[in-house]
Amino acid sequence: YGRPVPPEMDSGHPYDPFKLDIWQLGDGLREFKTTIASIDEILENFTNENANNRMNATEAFEKLESVVYSMAPSSLLIPFPDM
């Protein structure tokens, strides 16, 4: 049905299904950009072509948690554009 395929699935070698899940999540979020560069960098890693360099779910959670917890709550608010 035309869904993108993670690179490791075409390799013919065994792969880590959990890293594949991260790739699928990253592919779904590919167009999503925040106003927080460090979060965008983490999300970009989700689709790293090399699965060995791609973080796992625990690492992703911990990195995102660290970024969010280090920010003032008011900096996480994004105003709606005037319509």
PDB file of N, CA and C in Angstrom:
ATOM      1  N   TYR A   1       0.805  -1.193   0.000  1.00  0.00           N
ATOM      2  CA  TYR A   1       0.000   0.000   0.000  1.00  0.00           C
ATOM      3  C   TYR A   1       0.851   1.262   0.000  1.00  0.00           C
ATOM      4  N   GLY A   2       2.106   1.125  -0.306  1.00  0.00           N
ATOM      5  CA  GLY A   2       2.949   2.275  -0.535  1.00  0.00           C
ATOM      6  C   GLY A   2       3.588   2.906   0.685  1.00  0.00           C
ATOM      7  N   ARG A   3       3.571   2.230   1.805  1.00  0.00           N
ATOM      8  CA  ARG A   3       4.188   2.789   3.011  1.00  0.00           C
ATOM      9  C   ARG A   3       5.711   2.688   2.896  1.00  0.00           C
ATOM     10  N   PRO A   4       6.453   3.748   3.320  1.00  0.00           N
ATOM     11  CA  PRO A   4       7.918   3.677   3.272  1.00  0.00           C
ATOM     12  C   PRO A   4       8.441   2.507   4.111  1.00  0.00           C
ATOM     13  N   VAL A   5       9.551   1.957   3.672  1.00  0.00           N
ATOM     14  CA  VAL A   5      10.133   0.791   4.333  1.00  0.00           C
ATOM     15  C   VAL A   5      11.467   1.191   4.972  1.00  0.00           C
ATOM     16  N   PRO A   6      11.684   0.851   6.232  1.00  0.00           N
ATOM     17  CA  PRO A   6      12.968   1.144   6.870  1.00  0.00           C
ATOM     18  C   PRO A   6      14.111   0.457   6.124  1.00  0.00           C
ATOM     19  N   PRO A   7      15.279   1.096   6.052  1.00  0.00           N
ATOM     20  CA  PRO A   7      16.392   0.550   5.273  1.00  0.00           C
ATOM     21  C   PRO A   7      16.797  -0.864   5.674  1.00  0.00           C
ATOM     22  N   GLU A   8      16.742  -1.184   6.961  1.00  0.00           N
ATOM     23  CA  GLU A   8      17.202  -2.504   7.391  1.00  0.00           C
ATOM     24  C   GLU A   8      16.297  -3.635   6.907  1.00  0.00           C
ATOM     25  N   MET A   9      15.084  -3.335   6.526  1.00  0.00           N
ATOM     26  CA  MET A   9      14.182  -4.388   6.038  1.00  0.00           C
ATOM     27  C   MET A   9      14.579  -4.857   4.644  1.00  0.00           C
ATOM     28  N   ASP A  10      15.268  -4.001   3.895  1.00  0.00           N
ATOM     29  CA  ASP A  10      15.710  -4.369   2.552  1.00  0.00           C
ATOM     30  C   ASP A  10      17.080  -5.035   2.547  1.00  0.00           C
ATOM     31  N   SER A  11      17.733  -5.106   3.705  1.00  0.00           N
ATOM     32  CA  SER A  11      19.110  -5.603   3.759  1.00  0.00           C
ATOM     33  C   SER A  11      19.205  -7.123   3.659  1.00  0.00           C
ATOM     34  N   GLY A  12      18.137  -7.826   4.010  1.00  0.00           N
ATOM     35  CA  GLY A  12      18.188  -9.279   4.024  1.00  0.00           C
ATOM     36  C   GLY A  12      18.840  -9.842   5.279  1.00  0.00           C
ATOM     37  N   HIS A  13      19.230  -8.961   6.201  1.00  0.00           N
ATOM     38  CA  HIS A  13      19.865  -9.377   7.451  1.00  0.00           C
ATOM     39  C   HIS A  13      18.865  -9.254   8.596  1.00  0.00           C
ATOM     40  N   PRO A  14      19.109  -9.963   9.700  1.00  0.00           N
ATOM     41  CA  PRO A  14      18.232  -9.800  10.868  1.00  0.00           C
ATOM     42  C   PRO A  14      18.259  -8.342  11.343  1.00  0.00           C
ATOM     43  N   TYR A  15      17.156  -7.894  11.889  1.00  0.00           N
ATOM     44  CA  TYR A  15      17.077  -6.506  12.352  1.00  0.00           C
ATOM     45  C   TYR A  15      16.352  -6.457  13.691  1.00  0.00           C
ATOM     46  N   ASP A  16      16.548  -5.342  14.379  1.00  0.00           N
ATOM     47  CA  ASP A  16      15.930  -5.108  15.684  1.00  0.00           C
ATOM     48  C   ASP A  16      14.530  -4.537  15.453  1.00  0.00           C
ATOM     49  N   PRO A  17      13.474  -5.281  15.764  1.00  0.00           N
ATOM     50  CA  PRO A  17      12.120  -4.788  15.497  1.00  0.00           C
ATOM     51  C   PRO A  17      11.766  -3.545  16.311  1.00  0.00           C
ATOM     52  N   PHE A  18      12.420  -3.355  17.441  1.00  0.00           N
ATOM     53  CA  PHE A  18      12.127  -2.182  18.264  1.00  0.00           C
ATOM     54  C   PHE A  18      12.711  -0.917  17.640  1.00  0.00           C
ATOM     55  N   LYS A  19      13.899  -1.032  17.048  1.00  0.00           N
ATOM     56  CA  LYS A  19      14.479   0.110  16.335  1.00  0.00           C
ATOM     57  C   LYS A  19      13.667   0.393  15.071  1.00  0.00           C
ATOM     58  N   LEU A  20      13.107  -0.649  14.499  1.00  0.00           N
ATOM     59  CA  LEU A  20      12.233  -0.477  13.344  1.00  0.00           C
ATOM     60  C   LEU A  20      10.980   0.307  13.749  1.00  0.00           C
ATOM     61  N   ASP A  21      10.444   0.031  14.925  1.00  0.00           N
ATOM     62  CA  ASP A  21       9.287   0.782  15.431  1.00  0.00           C
ATOM     63  C   ASP A  21       9.618   2.266  15.570  1.00  0.00           C
ATOM     64  N   ILE A  22      10.823   2.565  16.062  1.00  0.00           N
ATOM     65  CA  ILE A  22      11.245   3.960  16.204  1.00  0.00           C
ATOM     66  C   ILE A  22      11.321   4.611  14.825  1.00  0.00           C
ATOM     67  N   TRP A  23      11.851   3.882  13.837  1.00  0.00           N
ATOM     68  CA  TRP A  23      11.924   4.424  12.476  1.00  0.00           C
ATOM     69  C   TRP A  23      10.519   4.740  11.961  1.00  0.00           C
ATOM     70  N   GLN A  24       9.575   3.825  12.169  1.00  0.00           N
ATOM     71  CA  GLN A  24       8.199   4.043  11.706  1.00  0.00           C
ATOM     72  C   GLN A  24       7.588   5.270  12.377  1.00  0.00           C
ATOM     73  N   LEU A  25       7.813   5.427  13.684  1.00  0.00           N
ATOM     74  CA  LEU A  25       7.317   6.601  14.393  1.00  0.00           C
ATOM     75  C   LEU A  25       7.953   7.866  13.818  1.00  0.00           C
ATOM     76  N   GLY A  26       9.263   7.825  13.625  1.00  0.00           N
ATOM     77  CA  GLY A  26       9.968   8.975  13.055  1.00  0.00           C
ATOM     78  C   GLY A  26       9.484   9.319  11.666  1.00  0.00           C
ATOM     79  N   ASP A  27       9.196   8.298  10.867  1.00  0.00           N
ATOM     80  CA  ASP A  27       8.683   8.556   9.521  1.00  0.00           C
ATOM     81  C   ASP A  27       7.323   9.249   9.592  1.00  0.00           C
ATOM     82  N   GLY A  28       6.497   8.822  10.531  1.00  0.00           N
ATOM     83  CA  GLY A  28       5.191   9.458  10.699  1.00  0.00           C
ATOM     84  C   GLY A  28       5.297  10.894  11.182  1.00  0.00           C
ATOM     85  N   LEU A  29       6.373  11.198  11.912  1.00  0.00           N
ATOM     86  CA  LEU A  29       6.573  12.550  12.447  1.00  0.00           C
ATOM     87  C   LEU A  29       7.514  13.389  11.581  1.00  0.00           C
ATOM     88  N   ARG A  30       7.914  12.869  10.425  1.00  0.00           N
ATOM     89  CA  ARG A  30       8.921  13.525   9.578  1.00  0.00           C
ATOM     90  C   ARG A  30       8.582  14.980   9.264  1.00  0.00           C
ATOM     91  N   GLU A  31       7.334  15.269   9.018  1.00  0.00           N
ATOM     92  CA  GLU A  31       6.920  16.631   8.673  1.00  0.00           C
ATOM     93  C   GLU A  31       6.676  17.498   9.907  1.00  0.00           C
ATOM     94  N   PHE A  32       6.657  16.886  11.068  1.00  0.00           N
ATOM     95  CA  PHE A  32       6.387  17.604  12.313  1.00  0.00           C
ATOM     96  C   PHE A  32       7.648  18.334  12.765  1.00  0.00           C
ATOM     97  N   LYS A  33       7.546  19.621  12.947  1.00  0.00           N
ATOM     98  CA  LYS A  33       8.660  20.415  13.456  1.00  0.00           C
ATOM     99  C   LYS A  33       8.162  21.217  14.643  1.00  0.00           C
ATOM    100  N   THR A  34       8.958  21.232  15.692  1.00  0.00           N
ATOM    101  CA  THR A  34       8.615  22.015  16.869  1.00  0.00           C
ATOM    102  C   THR A  34       9.322  23.358  16.766  1.00  0.00           C
ATOM    103  N   THR A  35       9.186  24.169  17.765  1.00  0.00           N
ATOM    104  CA  THR A  35       9.958  25.412  17.847  1.00  0.00           C
ATOM    105  C   THR A  35      11.158  25.210  18.766  1.00  0.00           C
ATOM    106  N   ILE A  36      11.447  23.953  19.090  1.00  0.00           N
ATOM    107  CA  ILE A  36      12.531  23.615  20.018  1.00  0.00           C
ATOM    108  C   ILE A  36      13.538  22.733  19.275  1.00  0.00           C
ATOM    109  N   ALA A  37      14.679  23.333  18.917  1.00  0.00           N
ATOM    110  CA  ALA A  37      15.670  22.642  18.084  1.00  0.00           C
ATOM    111  C   ALA A  37      16.123  21.311  18.679  1.00  0.00           C
ATOM    112  N   SER A  38      16.323  21.242  19.983  1.00  0.00           N
ATOM    113  CA  SER A  38      16.812  19.998  20.587  1.00  0.00           C
ATOM    114  C   SER A  38      15.790  18.862  20.465  1.00  0.00           C
ATOM    115  N   ILE A  39      14.514  19.187  20.491  1.00  0.00           N
ATOM    116  CA  ILE A  39      13.484  18.159  20.286  1.00  0.00           C
ATOM    117  C   ILE A  39      13.477  17.726  18.825  1.00  0.00           C
ATOM    118  N   ASP A  40      13.606  18.681  17.907  1.00  0.00           N
ATOM    119  CA  ASP A  40      13.656  18.337  16.483  1.00  0.00           C
ATOM    120  C   ASP A  40      14.835  17.419  16.177  1.00  0.00           C
ATOM    121  N   GLU A  41      15.982  17.647  16.813  1.00  0.00           N
ATOM    122  CA  GLU A  41      17.156  16.790  16.603  1.00  0.00           C
ATOM    123  C   GLU A  41      16.884  15.365  17.081  1.00  0.00           C
ATOM    124  N   ILE A  42      16.221  15.230  18.200  1.00  0.00           N
ATOM    125  CA  ILE A  42      15.884  13.898  18.720  1.00  0.00           C
ATOM    126  C   ILE A  42      14.948  13.189  17.745  1.00  0.00           C
ATOM    127  N   LEU A  43      13.920  13.895  17.286  1.00  0.00           N
ATOM    128  CA  LEU A  43      12.968  13.295  16.351  1.00  0.00           C
ATOM    129  C   LEU A  43      13.645  12.925  15.035  1.00  0.00           C
ATOM    130  N   GLU A  44      14.616  13.727  14.608  1.00  0.00           N
ATOM    131  CA  GLU A  44      15.341  13.435  13.372  1.00  0.00           C
ATOM    132  C   GLU A  44      16.121  12.133  13.491  1.00  0.00           C
ATOM    133  N   ASN A  45      16.650  11.850  14.680  1.00  0.00           N
ATOM    134  CA  ASN A  45      17.410  10.626  14.897  1.00  0.00           C
ATOM    135  C   ASN A  45      16.549   9.379  14.703  1.00  0.00           C
ATOM    136  N   PHE A  46      15.257   9.505  14.886  1.00  0.00           N
ATOM    137  CA  PHE A  46      14.355   8.353  14.756  1.00  0.00           C
ATOM    138  C   PHE A  46      14.447   7.706  13.376  1.00  0.00           C
ATOM    139  N   THR A  47      14.780   8.476  12.355  1.00  0.00           N
ATOM    140  CA  THR A  47      14.845   7.926  10.997  1.00  0.00           C
ATOM    141  C   THR A  47      16.283   7.801  10.507  1.00  0.00           C
ATOM    142  N   ASN A  48      17.232   7.701  11.418  1.00  0.00           N
ATOM    143  CA  ASN A  48      18.625   7.498  11.035  1.00  0.00           C
ATOM    144  C   ASN A  48      18.702   6.249  10.160  1.00  0.00           C
ATOM    145  N   GLU A  49      19.369   6.366   9.024  1.00  0.00           N
ATOM    146  CA  GLU A  49      19.464   5.245   8.081  1.00  0.00           C
ATOM    147  C   GLU A  49      20.166   4.033   8.703  1.00  0.00           C
ATOM    148  N   ASN A  50      21.086   4.277   9.614  1.00  0.00           N
ATOM    149  CA  ASN A  50      21.816   3.201  10.276  1.00  0.00           C
ATOM    150  C   ASN A  50      21.108   2.867  11.589  1.00  0.00           C
ATOM    151  N   ALA A  51      20.489   1.716  11.644  1.00  0.00           N
ATOM    152  CA  ALA A  51      19.733   1.318  12.841  1.00  0.00           C
ATOM    153  C   ALA A  51      20.611   1.275  14.088  1.00  0.00           C
ATOM    154  N   ASN A  52      21.904   0.997  13.928  1.00  0.00           N
ATOM    155  CA  ASN A  52      22.806   0.964  15.083  1.00  0.00           C
ATOM    156  C   ASN A  52      22.985   2.348  15.699  1.00  0.00           C
ATOM    157  N   ASN A  53      22.782   3.387  14.902  1.00  0.00           N
ATOM    158  CA  ASN A  53      22.914   4.763  15.392  1.00  0.00           C
ATOM    159  C   ASN A  53      21.573   5.357  15.814  1.00  0.00           C
ATOM    160  N   ARG A  54      20.511   4.620  15.600  1.00  0.00           N
ATOM    161  CA  ARG A  54      19.163   5.072  15.959  1.00  0.00           C
ATOM    162  C   ARG A  54      18.905   4.731  17.424  1.00  0.00           C
ATOM    163  N   MET A  55      18.361   5.684  18.168  1.00  0.00           N
ATOM    164  CA  MET A  55      18.089   5.409  19.581  1.00  0.00           C
ATOM    165  C   MET A  55      16.913   4.444  19.726  1.00  0.00           C
ATOM    166  N   ASN A  56      16.864   3.784  20.869  1.00  0.00           N
ATOM    167  CA  ASN A  56      15.722   2.911  21.144  1.00  0.00           C
ATOM    168  C   ASN A  56      14.657   3.716  21.887  1.00  0.00           C
ATOM    169  N   ALA A  57      13.549   3.106  22.196  1.00  0.00           N
ATOM    170  CA  ALA A  57      12.427   3.820  22.815  1.00  0.00           C
ATOM    171  C   ALA A  57      12.795   4.398  24.182  1.00  0.00           C
ATOM    172  N   THR A  58      13.547   3.647  24.969  1.00  0.00           N
ATOM    173  CA  THR A  58      13.945   4.139  26.292  1.00  0.00           C
ATOM    174  C   THR A  58      14.844   5.360  26.163  1.00  0.00           C
ATOM    175  N   GLU A  59      15.821   5.283  25.263  1.00  0.00           N
ATOM    176  CA  GLU A  59      16.717   6.424  25.046  1.00  0.00           C
ATOM    177  C   GLU A  59      15.938   7.640  24.548  1.00  0.00           C
ATOM    178  N   ALA A  60      15.022   7.415  23.624  1.00  0.00           N
ATOM    179  CA  ALA A  60      14.221   8.517  23.086  1.00  0.00           C
ATOM    180  C   ALA A  60      13.402   9.170  24.192  1.00  0.00           C
ATOM    181  N   PHE A  61      12.756   8.355  25.002  1.00  0.00           N
ATOM    182  CA  PHE A  61      11.957   8.887  26.105  1.00  0.00           C
ATOM    183  C   PHE A  61      12.827   9.696  27.063  1.00  0.00           C
ATOM    184  N   GLU A  62      13.971   9.135  27.443  1.00  0.00           N
ATOM    185  CA  GLU A  62      14.845   9.813  28.401  1.00  0.00           C
ATOM    186  C   GLU A  62      15.373  11.134  27.854  1.00  0.00           C
ATOM    187  N   LYS A  63      15.732  11.156  26.574  1.00  0.00           N
ATOM    188  CA  LYS A  63      16.230  12.400  25.974  1.00  0.00           C
ATOM    189  C   LYS A  63      15.125  13.442  25.882  1.00  0.00           C
ATOM    190  N   LEU A  64      13.951  13.032  25.434  1.00  0.00           N
ATOM    191  CA  LEU A  64      12.837  13.981  25.350  1.00  0.00           C
ATOM    192  C   LEU A  64      12.456  14.482  26.741  1.00  0.00           C
ATOM    193  N   GLU A  65      12.417  13.579  27.702  1.00  0.00           N
ATOM    194  CA  GLU A  65      12.095  13.958  29.077  1.00  0.00           C
ATOM    195  C   GLU A  65      13.104  14.970  29.610  1.00  0.00           C
ATOM    196  N   SER A  66      14.379  14.740  29.351  1.00  0.00           N
ATOM    197  CA  SER A  66      15.429  15.636  29.819  1.00  0.00           C
ATOM    198  C   SER A  66      15.272  17.039  29.230  1.00  0.00           C
ATOM    199  N   VAL A  67      14.983  17.108  27.939  1.00  0.00           N
ATOM    200  CA  VAL A  67      14.802  18.412  27.291  1.00  0.00           C
ATOM    201  C   VAL A  67      13.588  19.124  27.866  1.00  0.00           C
ATOM    202  N   VAL A  68      12.470  18.436  27.930  1.00  0.00           N
ATOM    203  CA  VAL A  68      11.228  19.062  28.398  1.00  0.00           C
ATOM    204  C   VAL A  68      11.350  19.495  29.856  1.00  0.00           C
ATOM    205  N   TYR A  69      11.926  18.646  30.704  1.00  0.00           N
ATOM    206  CA  TYR A  69      12.047  18.990  32.124  1.00  0.00           C
ATOM    207  C   TYR A  69      13.043  20.118  32.375  1.00  0.00           C
ATOM    208  N   SER A  70      13.959  20.341  31.439  1.00  0.00           N
ATOM    209  CA  SER A  70      14.943  21.411  31.621  1.00  0.00           C
ATOM    210  C   SER A  70      14.395  22.780  31.204  1.00  0.00           C
ATOM    211  N   MET A  71      13.207  22.798  30.647  1.00  0.00           N
ATOM    212  CA  MET A  71      12.624  24.043  30.144  1.00  0.00           C
ATOM    213  C   MET A  71      11.590  24.597  31.119  1.00  0.00           C
ATOM    214  N   ALA A  72      11.479  25.902  31.106  1.00  0.00           N
ATOM    215  CA  ALA A  72      10.423  26.536  31.899  1.00  0.00           C
ATOM    216  C   ALA A  72       9.079  26.171  31.278  1.00  0.00           C
ATOM    217  N   PRO A  73       8.069  25.868  32.073  1.00  0.00           N
ATOM    218  CA  PRO A  73       6.761  25.498  31.518  1.00  0.00           C
ATOM    219  C   PRO A  73       6.223  26.512  30.508  1.00  0.00           C
ATOM    220  N   SER A  74       6.448  27.786  30.753  1.00  0.00           N
ATOM    221  CA  SER A  74       5.927  28.805  29.830  1.00  0.00           C
ATOM    222  C   SER A  74       6.593  28.732  28.455  1.00  0.00           C
ATOM    223  N   SER A  75       7.820  28.199  28.381  1.00  0.00           N
ATOM    224  CA  SER A  75       8.502  28.109  27.085  1.00  0.00           C
ATOM    225  C   SER A  75       7.947  26.974  26.228  1.00  0.00           C
ATOM    226  N   LEU A  76       7.159  26.092  26.819  1.00  0.00           N
ATOM    227  CA  LEU A  76       6.547  24.997  26.063  1.00  0.00           C
ATOM    228  C   LEU A  76       5.230  25.411  25.415  1.00  0.00           C
ATOM    229  N   LEU A  77       4.741  26.588  25.760  1.00  0.00           N
ATOM    230  CA  LEU A  77       3.486  27.074  25.188  1.00  0.00           C
ATOM    231  C   LEU A  77       3.757  27.729  23.842  1.00  0.00           C
ATOM    232  N   ILE A  78       2.973  27.375  22.858  1.00  0.00           N
ATOM    233  CA  ILE A  78       3.110  27.958  21.524  1.00  0.00           C
ATOM    234  C   ILE A  78       1.822  28.703  21.229  1.00  0.00           C
ATOM    235  N   PRO A  79       1.917  30.009  20.986  1.00  0.00           N
ATOM    236  CA  PRO A  79       0.691  30.775  20.736  1.00  0.00           C
ATOM    237  C   PRO A  79       0.057  30.401  19.394  1.00  0.00           C
ATOM    238  N   PHE A  80      -1.262  30.482  19.339  1.00  0.00           N
ATOM    239  CA  PHE A  80      -1.974  30.281  18.084  1.00  0.00           C
ATOM    240  C   PHE A  80      -1.757  31.502  17.204  1.00  0.00           C
ATOM    241  N   PRO A  81      -1.571  31.302  15.905  1.00  0.00           N
ATOM    242  CA  PRO A  81      -1.441  32.468  15.019  1.00  0.00           C
ATOM    243  C   PRO A  81      -2.780  33.204  14.929  1.00  0.00           C
ATOM    244  N   ASP A  82      -2.692  34.505  14.737  1.00  0.00           N
ATOM    245  CA  ASP A  82      -3.917  35.292  14.564  1.00  0.00           C
ATOM    246  C   ASP A  82      -4.596  34.877  13.272  1.00  0.00           C
ATOM    247  N   MET A  83      -5.901  34.731  13.354  1.00  0.00           N
ATOM    248  CA  MET A  83      -6.645  34.326  12.152  1.00  0.00           C
ATOM    249  C   MET A  83      -7.504  35.451  11.676  1.00  0.00           C
TER     250      MET A  83
END
